[in-house]
C-alpha atoms as a PDB file:
ATOM      1  CA  MET A   1      -0.562  31.859   2.642  1.00  0.00           C
ATOM      2  CA  ASN A   2      -4.049  33.355   2.461  1.00  0.00           C
ATOM      3  CA  ARG A   3      -6.530  31.878   4.974  1.00  0.00           C
ATOM      4  CA  LEU A   4      -9.399  31.592   2.485  1.00  0.00           C
ATOM      5  CA  ASP A   5      -7.169  29.849  -0.072  1.00  0.00           C
ATOM      6  CA  ALA A   6      -5.911  27.472   2.620  1.00  0.00           C
ATOM      7  CA  THR A   7      -9.503  26.753   3.667  1.00  0.00           C
ATOM      8  CA  ARG A   8     -10.371  25.973   0.055  1.00  0.00           C
ATOM      9  CA  GLN A   9      -7.391  23.622  -0.057  1.00  0.00           C
ATOM     10  CA  LEU A  10      -8.651  21.827   3.065  1.00  0.00           C
ATOM     11  CA  VAL A  11     -12.190  21.487   1.696  1.00  0.00           C
ATOM     12  CA  ALA A  12     -10.836  20.150  -1.608  1.00  0.00           C
ATOM     13  CA  ALA A  13      -8.641  17.628   0.221  1.00  0.00           C
ATOM     14  CA  ILE A  14     -11.562  16.112   2.120  1.00  0.00           C
ATOM     15  CA  GLY A  15     -14.294  16.943  -0.380  1.00  0.00           C
ATOM     16  CA  HIS A  16     -14.595  13.370  -1.654  1.00  0.00           C
ATOM     17  CA  ASP A  17     -16.014  12.398   1.730  1.00  0.00           C
ATOM     18  CA  PRO A  18     -19.113  14.543   2.339  1.00  0.00           C
ATOM     19  CA  GLY A  19     -19.586  13.077   5.834  1.00  0.00           C
ATOM     20  CA  THR A  20     -16.233  14.277   7.188  1.00  0.00           C
ATOM     21  CA  PRO A  21     -17.084  16.948   9.762  1.00  0.00           C
ATOM     22  CA  ILE A  22     -15.385  20.334   9.882  1.00  0.00           C
ATOM     23  CA  ILE A  23     -16.023  22.440  12.992  1.00  0.00           C
ATOM     24  CA  ALA A  24     -15.362  26.157  12.417  1.00  0.00           C
ATOM     25  CA  SER A  25     -14.595  28.741  15.046  1.00  0.00           C
ATOM     26  CA  LEU A  26     -16.806  31.799  15.034  1.00  0.00           C
ATOM     27  CA  GLY A  27     -16.079  34.790  12.795  1.00  0.00           C
ATOM     28  CA  HIS A  28     -13.656  34.633   9.907  1.00  0.00           C
ATOM     29  CA  PRO A  29     -12.854  30.891  10.107  1.00  0.00           C
ATOM     30  CA  ALA A  30     -16.606  30.219   9.721  1.00  0.00           C
ATOM     31  CA  TYR A  31     -16.949  32.819   6.942  1.00  0.00           C
ATOM     32  CA  ASP A  32     -14.010  31.289   5.055  1.00  0.00           C
ATOM     33  CA  LEU A  33     -15.369  27.749   5.436  1.00  0.00           C
ATOM     34  CA  PHE A  34     -18.756  28.835   4.107  1.00  0.00           C
ATOM     35  CA  ALA A  35     -17.122  30.661   1.173  1.00  0.00           C
ATOM     36  CA  ALA A  36     -14.891  27.652   0.425  1.00  0.00           C
ATOM     37  CA  GLY A  37     -17.879  25.373   0.066  1.00  0.00           C
ATOM     38  CA  ASP A  38     -20.939  25.064   2.247  1.00  0.00           C
ATOM     39  CA  ARG A  39     -21.851  21.474   3.012  1.00  0.00           C
ATOM     40  CA  PRO A  40     -24.042  19.790   5.628  1.00  0.00           C
ATOM     41  CA  ALA A  41     -21.020  18.412   7.528  1.00  0.00           C
ATOM     42  CA  ASN A  42     -19.736  21.950   8.207  1.00  0.00           C
ATOM     43  CA  PHE A  43     -20.562  23.123  11.723  1.00  0.00           C
ATOM     44  CA  TYR A  44     -20.371  26.904  12.109  1.00  0.00           C
ATOM     45  CA  THR A  45     -20.183  28.138  15.688  1.00  0.00           C
ATOM     46  CA  TRP A  46     -21.627  31.430  16.899  1.00  0.00           C
ATOM     47  CA  GLY A  47     -21.119  33.242  20.193  1.00  0.00           C
ATOM     48  CA  SER A  48     -18.617  30.649  21.386  1.00  0.00           C
ATOM     49  CA  MET A  49     -15.128  32.111  21.085  1.00  0.00           C
ATOM     50  CA  GLY A  50     -12.528  29.598  22.211  1.00  0.00           C
ATOM     51  CA  LEU A  51     -14.815  26.564  22.080  1.00  0.00           C
ATOM     52  CA  ALA A  52     -14.353  25.129  18.570  1.00  0.00           C
ATOM     53  CA  SER A  53     -11.438  22.978  19.758  1.00  0.00           C
ATOM     54  CA  SER A  54     -13.529  21.606  22.642  1.00  0.00           C
ATOM     55  CA  ILE A  55     -16.535  20.933  20.394  1.00  0.00           C
ATOM     56  CA  GLY A  56     -14.290  19.058  17.964  1.00  0.00           C
ATOM     57  CA  LEU A  57     -12.681  17.139  20.815  1.00  0.00           C
ATOM     58  CA  GLY A  58     -16.071  16.054  22.146  1.00  0.00           C
ATOM     59  CA  LEU A  59     -17.197  14.915  18.701  1.00  0.00           C
ATOM     60  CA  ALA A  60     -13.945  13.018  18.094  1.00  0.00           C
ATOM     61  CA  LEU A  61     -14.324  11.181  21.405  1.00  0.00           C
ATOM     62  CA  ALA A  62     -18.004  10.414  20.825  1.00  0.00           C
ATOM     63  CA  ARG A  63     -17.555   9.300  17.204  1.00  0.00           C
ATOM     64  CA  PRO A  64     -14.147   7.594  16.857  1.00  0.00           C
ATOM     65  CA  ALA A  65     -14.996   6.301  13.372  1.00  0.00           C
ATOM     66  CA  LEU A  66     -15.110   9.886  12.027  1.00  0.00           C
ATOM     67  CA  ARG A  67     -11.998  11.914  11.188  1.00  0.00           C
ATOM     68  CA  VAL A  68     -12.884  15.266  12.788  1.00  0.00           C
ATOM     69  CA  PHE A  69     -11.364  18.520  11.535  1.00  0.00           C
ATOM     70  CA  VAL A  70     -11.481  21.802  13.448  1.00  0.00           C
ATOM     71  CA  VAL A  71     -10.564  25.183  11.963  1.00  0.00           C
ATOM     72  CA  ASP A  72      -9.790  27.602  14.760  1.00  0.00           C
ATOM     73  CA  GLY A  73      -8.150  30.992  15.088  1.00  0.00           C
ATOM     74  CA  ASP A  74      -5.058  31.739  17.131  1.00  0.00           C
ATOM     75  CA  GLY A  75      -6.986  34.186  19.315  1.00  0.00           C
ATOM     76  CA  SER A  76      -9.733  31.657  19.959  1.00  0.00           C
ATOM     77  CA  LEU A  77      -7.334  28.853  20.828  1.00  0.00           C
ATOM     78  CA  LEU A  78      -5.401  31.162  23.158  1.00  0.00           C
ATOM     79  CA  MET A  79      -8.664  31.667  25.083  1.00  0.00           C
ATOM     80  CA  ASN A  80      -8.907  27.913  25.696  1.00  0.00           C
ATOM     81  CA  LEU A  81      -5.423  26.419  25.833  1.00  0.00           C
ATOM     82  CA  GLY A  82      -6.816  23.939  28.321  1.00  0.00           C
ATOM     83  CA  SER A  83      -8.374  22.096  25.385  1.00  0.00           C
ATOM     84  CA  LEU A  84      -4.856  21.144  24.256  1.00  0.00           C
ATOM     85  CA  ALA A  85      -4.205  19.581  27.661  1.00  0.00           C
ATOM     86  CA  THR A  86      -7.432  17.579  27.429  1.00  0.00           C
ATOM     87  CA  MET A  87      -6.556  16.460  23.882  1.00  0.00           C
ATOM     88  CA  GLY A  88      -3.168  15.301  25.103  1.00  0.00           C
ATOM     89  CA  TRP A  89      -4.773  13.435  28.001  1.00  0.00           C
ATOM     90  CA  THR A  90      -7.587  11.750  26.043  1.00  0.00           C
ATOM     91  CA  ARG A  91      -5.606  11.306  22.782  1.00  0.00           C
ATOM     92  CA  PRO A  92      -8.388  10.935  20.174  1.00  0.00           C
ATOM     93  CA  GLU A  93      -6.534   9.593  17.140  1.00  0.00           C
ATOM     94  CA  ASN A  94      -9.208  10.940  14.776  1.00  0.00           C
ATOM     95  CA  LEU A  95      -8.886  14.651  15.680  1.00  0.00           C
ATOM     96  CA  VAL A  96      -7.160  17.254  13.490  1.00  0.00           C
ATOM     97  CA  LEU A  97      -7.028  20.807  14.861  1.00  0.00           C
ATOM     98  CA  ILE A  98      -5.989  23.451  12.332  1.00  0.00           C
ATOM     99  CA  VAL A  99      -5.130  26.840  13.804  1.00  0.00           C
ATOM    100  CA  TRP A 100      -5.271  29.773  11.398  1.00  0.00           C
ATOM    101  CA  ASP A 101      -2.559  31.919  12.968  1.00  0.00           C
ATOM    102  CA  ASN A 102      -2.762  35.433  11.539  1.00  0.00           C
ATOM    103  CA  GLU A 103      -1.299  36.864  14.773  1.00  0.00           C
ATOM    104  CA  GLY A 104      -4.415  38.957  15.278  1.00  0.00           C
ATOM    105  CA  TYR A 105      -8.063  39.056  16.314  1.00  0.00           C
ATOM    106  CA  GLY A 106      -9.326  39.494  12.752  1.00  0.00           C
ATOM    107  CA  THR A 107     -13.029  39.482  13.559  1.00  0.00           C
ATOM    108  CA  THR A 108     -12.831  42.187  16.229  1.00  0.00           C
ATOM    109  CA  GLY A 109     -10.558  44.691  14.499  1.00  0.00           C
ATOM    110  CA  GLY A 110      -7.118  43.161  14.004  1.00  0.00           C
ATOM    111  CA  GLN A 111      -5.676  43.589  17.487  1.00  0.00           C
ATOM    112  CA  GLU A 112      -2.483  41.571  17.937  1.00  0.00           C
ATOM    113  CA  THR A 113      -2.578  38.216  19.684  1.00  0.00           C
ATOM    114  CA  ALA A 114       0.215  36.768  21.803  1.00  0.00           C
ATOM    115  CA  THR A 115       1.504  34.871  18.759  1.00  0.00           C
ATOM    116  CA  ALA A 116       2.561  38.230  17.293  1.00  0.00           C
ATOM    117  CA  HIS A 117       4.905  38.528  20.289  1.00  0.00           C
ATOM    118  CA  GLY A 118       6.455  35.068  20.317  1.00  0.00           C
ATOM    119  CA  ALA A 119       3.802  32.750  21.767  1.00  0.00           C
ATOM    120  CA  ASP A 120       4.352  29.409  20.016  1.00  0.00           C
ATOM    121  CA  LEU A 121       1.195  27.313  19.610  1.00  0.00           C
ATOM    122  CA  GLU A 122       3.098  24.399  18.093  1.00  0.00           C
ATOM    123  CA  ALA A 123       5.369  24.262  21.143  1.00  0.00           C
ATOM    124  CA  ALA A 124       2.342  24.476  23.452  1.00  0.00           C
ATOM    125  CA  ALA A 125       0.678  21.565  21.649  1.00  0.00           C
ATOM    126  CA  ARG A 126       3.855  19.472  21.764  1.00  0.00           C
ATOM    127  CA  ALA A 127       4.216  20.208  25.484  1.00  0.00           C
ATOM    128  CA  MET A 128       0.747  18.685  25.936  1.00  0.00           C
ATOM    129  CA  GLY A 129       1.820  15.502  24.109  1.00  0.00           C
ATOM    130  CA  LEU A 130       0.238  16.239  20.731  1.00  0.00           C
ATOM    131  CA  SER A 131       1.644  15.759  17.248  1.00  0.00           C
ATOM    132  CA  ALA A 132       2.110  19.315  16.012  1.00  0.00           C
ATOM    133  CA  LEU A 133       3.744  21.293  13.242  1.00  0.00           C
ATOM    134  CA  THR A 134       3.758  24.801  11.806  1.00  0.00           C
ATOM    135  CA  VAL A 135       3.280  25.462   8.090  1.00  0.00           C
ATOM    136  CA  ARG A 136       3.705  28.700   6.146  1.00  0.00           C
ATOM    137  CA  VAL A 137       2.993  27.911   2.490  1.00  0.00           C
ATOM    138  CA  GLU A 138       0.256  26.011   0.663  1.00  0.00           C
ATOM    139  CA  LYS A 139       2.517  23.112  -0.341  1.00  0.00           C
ATOM    140  CA  GLU A 140       3.468  22.505   3.321  1.00  0.00           C
ATOM    141  CA  PHE A 141      -0.164  22.809   4.351  1.00  0.00           C
ATOM    142  CA  GLY A 142      -1.288  20.275   1.745  1.00  0.00           C
ATOM    143  CA  ALA A 143       1.362  17.806   2.903  1.00  0.00           C
ATOM    144  CA  ALA A 144       0.342  18.307   6.542  1.00  0.00           C
ATOM    145  CA  ILE A 145      -3.333  17.654   5.750  1.00  0.00           C
ATOM    146  CA  ALA A 146      -2.460  14.516   3.778  1.00  0.00           C
ATOM    147  CA  ARG A 147      -0.397  13.230   6.691  1.00  0.00           C
ATOM    148  CA  ALA A 148      -3.041  14.069   9.306  1.00  0.00           C
ATOM    149  CA  ARG A 149      -5.751  12.323   7.256  1.00  0.00           C
ATOM    150  CA  THR A 150      -3.929   8.994   7.340  1.00  0.00           C
ATOM    151  CA  THR A 151      -1.722   9.052  10.439  1.00  0.00           C
ATOM    152  CA  PRO A 152      -3.261   8.705  13.916  1.00  0.00           C
ATOM    153  CA  GLY A 153      -3.384  11.932  15.924  1.00  0.00           C
ATOM    154  CA  PRO A 154      -4.444  13.982  17.613  1.00  0.00           C
ATOM    155  CA  TRP A 155      -2.891  16.538  15.288  1.00  0.00           C
ATOM    156  CA  VAL A 156      -2.380  20.274  15.674  1.00  0.00           C
ATOM    157  CA  ILE A 157      -1.448  22.101  12.478  1.00  0.00           C
ATOM    158  CA  VAL A 158      -0.548  25.740  13.038  1.00  0.00           C
ATOM    159  CA  ALA A 159      -0.959  27.477   9.678  1.00  0.00           C
ATOM    160  CA  LYS A 160       0.594  30.931   9.456  1.00  0.00           C
ATOM    161  CA  VAL A 161      -1.884  32.839   7.288  1.00  0.00           C
ATOM    162  CA  ARG A 162      -2.742  36.288   6.014  1.00  0.00           C
ATOM    163  CA  GLU A 163      -6.178  37.761   6.634  1.00  0.00           C
ATOM    164  CA  SER A 164      -8.647  37.130   3.820  1.00  0.00           C
ATOM    165  CA  GLY A 165     -11.922  38.669   5.037  1.00  0.00           C
ATOM    166  CA  PRO A 166     -14.602  37.065   2.806  1.00  0.00           C
ATOM    167  CA  ASP A 167     -17.919  38.840   2.496  1.00  0.00           C
ATOM    168  CA  THR A 168     -20.067  35.710   2.535  1.00  0.00           C
ATOM    169  CA  LYS A 169     -21.434  34.525   5.845  1.00  0.00           C
ATOM    170  CA  PRO A 170     -23.054  31.206   6.674  1.00  0.00           C
ATOM    171  CA  PRO A 171     -26.668  31.028   7.786  1.00  0.00           C
ATOM    172  CA  LEU A 172     -27.202  32.372  11.273  1.00  0.00           C
ATOM    173  CA  ASP A 173     -29.978  29.940  12.168  1.00  0.00           C
ATOM    174  CA  CYS A 174     -28.243  27.882  14.862  1.00  0.00           C
ATOM    175  CA  VAL A 175     -30.980  25.241  15.021  1.00  0.00           C
ATOM    176  CA  PHE A 176     -30.786  24.683  11.253  1.00  0.00           C
ATOM    177  CA  ILE A 177     -26.978  24.419  11.359  1.00  0.00           C
ATOM    178  CA  LYS A 178     -27.095  21.880  14.190  1.00  0.00           C
ATOM    179  CA  GLN A 179     -29.834  19.701  12.713  1.00  0.00           C
ATOM    180  CA  ARG A 180     -28.262  19.676   9.241  1.00  0.00           C
ATOM    181  CA  PHE A 181     -24.872  18.772  10.775  1.00  0.00           C
ATOM    182  CA  MET A 182     -26.249  15.969  12.947  1.00  0.00           C
ATOM    183  CA  ALA A 183     -27.960  14.423   9.910  1.00  0.00           C
ATOM    184  CA  ALA A 184     -24.723  14.719   7.877  1.00  0.00           C
ATOM    185  CA  ILE A 185     -22.709  12.757  10.451  1.00  0.00           C
ATOM    186  CA  GLY A 186     -25.359  10.050  10.654  1.00  0.00           C
ATOM    187  CA  THR A 187     -27.088  11.078  13.871  1.00  0.00           C
ATOM    188  CA  PRO A 188     -30.306  12.814  12.801  1.00  0.00           C
ATOM    189  CA  GLU A 189     -32.522  14.219  15.485  1.00  0.00           C
ATOM    190  CA  GLY A 190     -36.120  15.333  15.591  1.00  0.00           C
ATOM    191  CA  ALA A 191     -36.968  18.840  14.496  1.00  0.00           C
ATOM    192  CA  THR A 192     -37.250  21.420  17.249  1.00  0.00           C
ATOM    193  CA  ARG A 193     -38.046  24.502  15.190  1.00  0.00           C
ATOM    194  CA  GLY A 194     -41.515  25.761  16.017  1.00  0.00           C
ATOM    195  CA  ALA A 195     -42.015  23.195  18.770  1.00  0.00           C
ATOM    196  CA  SER A 196     -44.023  24.387  21.724  1.00  0.00           C
ATOM    197  CA  ILE A 197     -42.487  24.380  25.184  1.00  0.00           C
ATOM    198  CA  GLY A 198     -44.322  22.910  28.115  1.00  0.00           C
END
């Protein structure tokens, strides 16, 4: 399964609801999400490796009426496995964490991650009390998304993917990304761009 194609499948599955947030880990998960279909409810993270799962968790806890999706990489999640423990403890039913497991650090040169040597993210998630499964083909992934959209979570879907490496990158203006996202989820905030300090 190609990561970009799987991302497109995810966006298509939730595309009828433009207010459904998708939090993307930095690097290729963000590039793929942008290429699959930029929308205001996409939140692209920068300079925050390992934190997409925690950002999604915080949003899911703060906004229980929203179904929150996170697209993370295996390398990023391995940097913050503690987020799985917190998900298992707090149990937000509206959280769906998708881990693109390509068994490598795609953004930094393709170095192998621990999943290339037997680390099992599904087993780790289950050990923390989460509903988890591993998928390898698009049909399985589609079924997992459909189930996670209607069945209380929190869910962890480990998707074994091949690298896709899109050339398109989302805007790098972090303030713009944040303000557009907050408006999309119904919590607009005042503009800060160009504001004086002091």
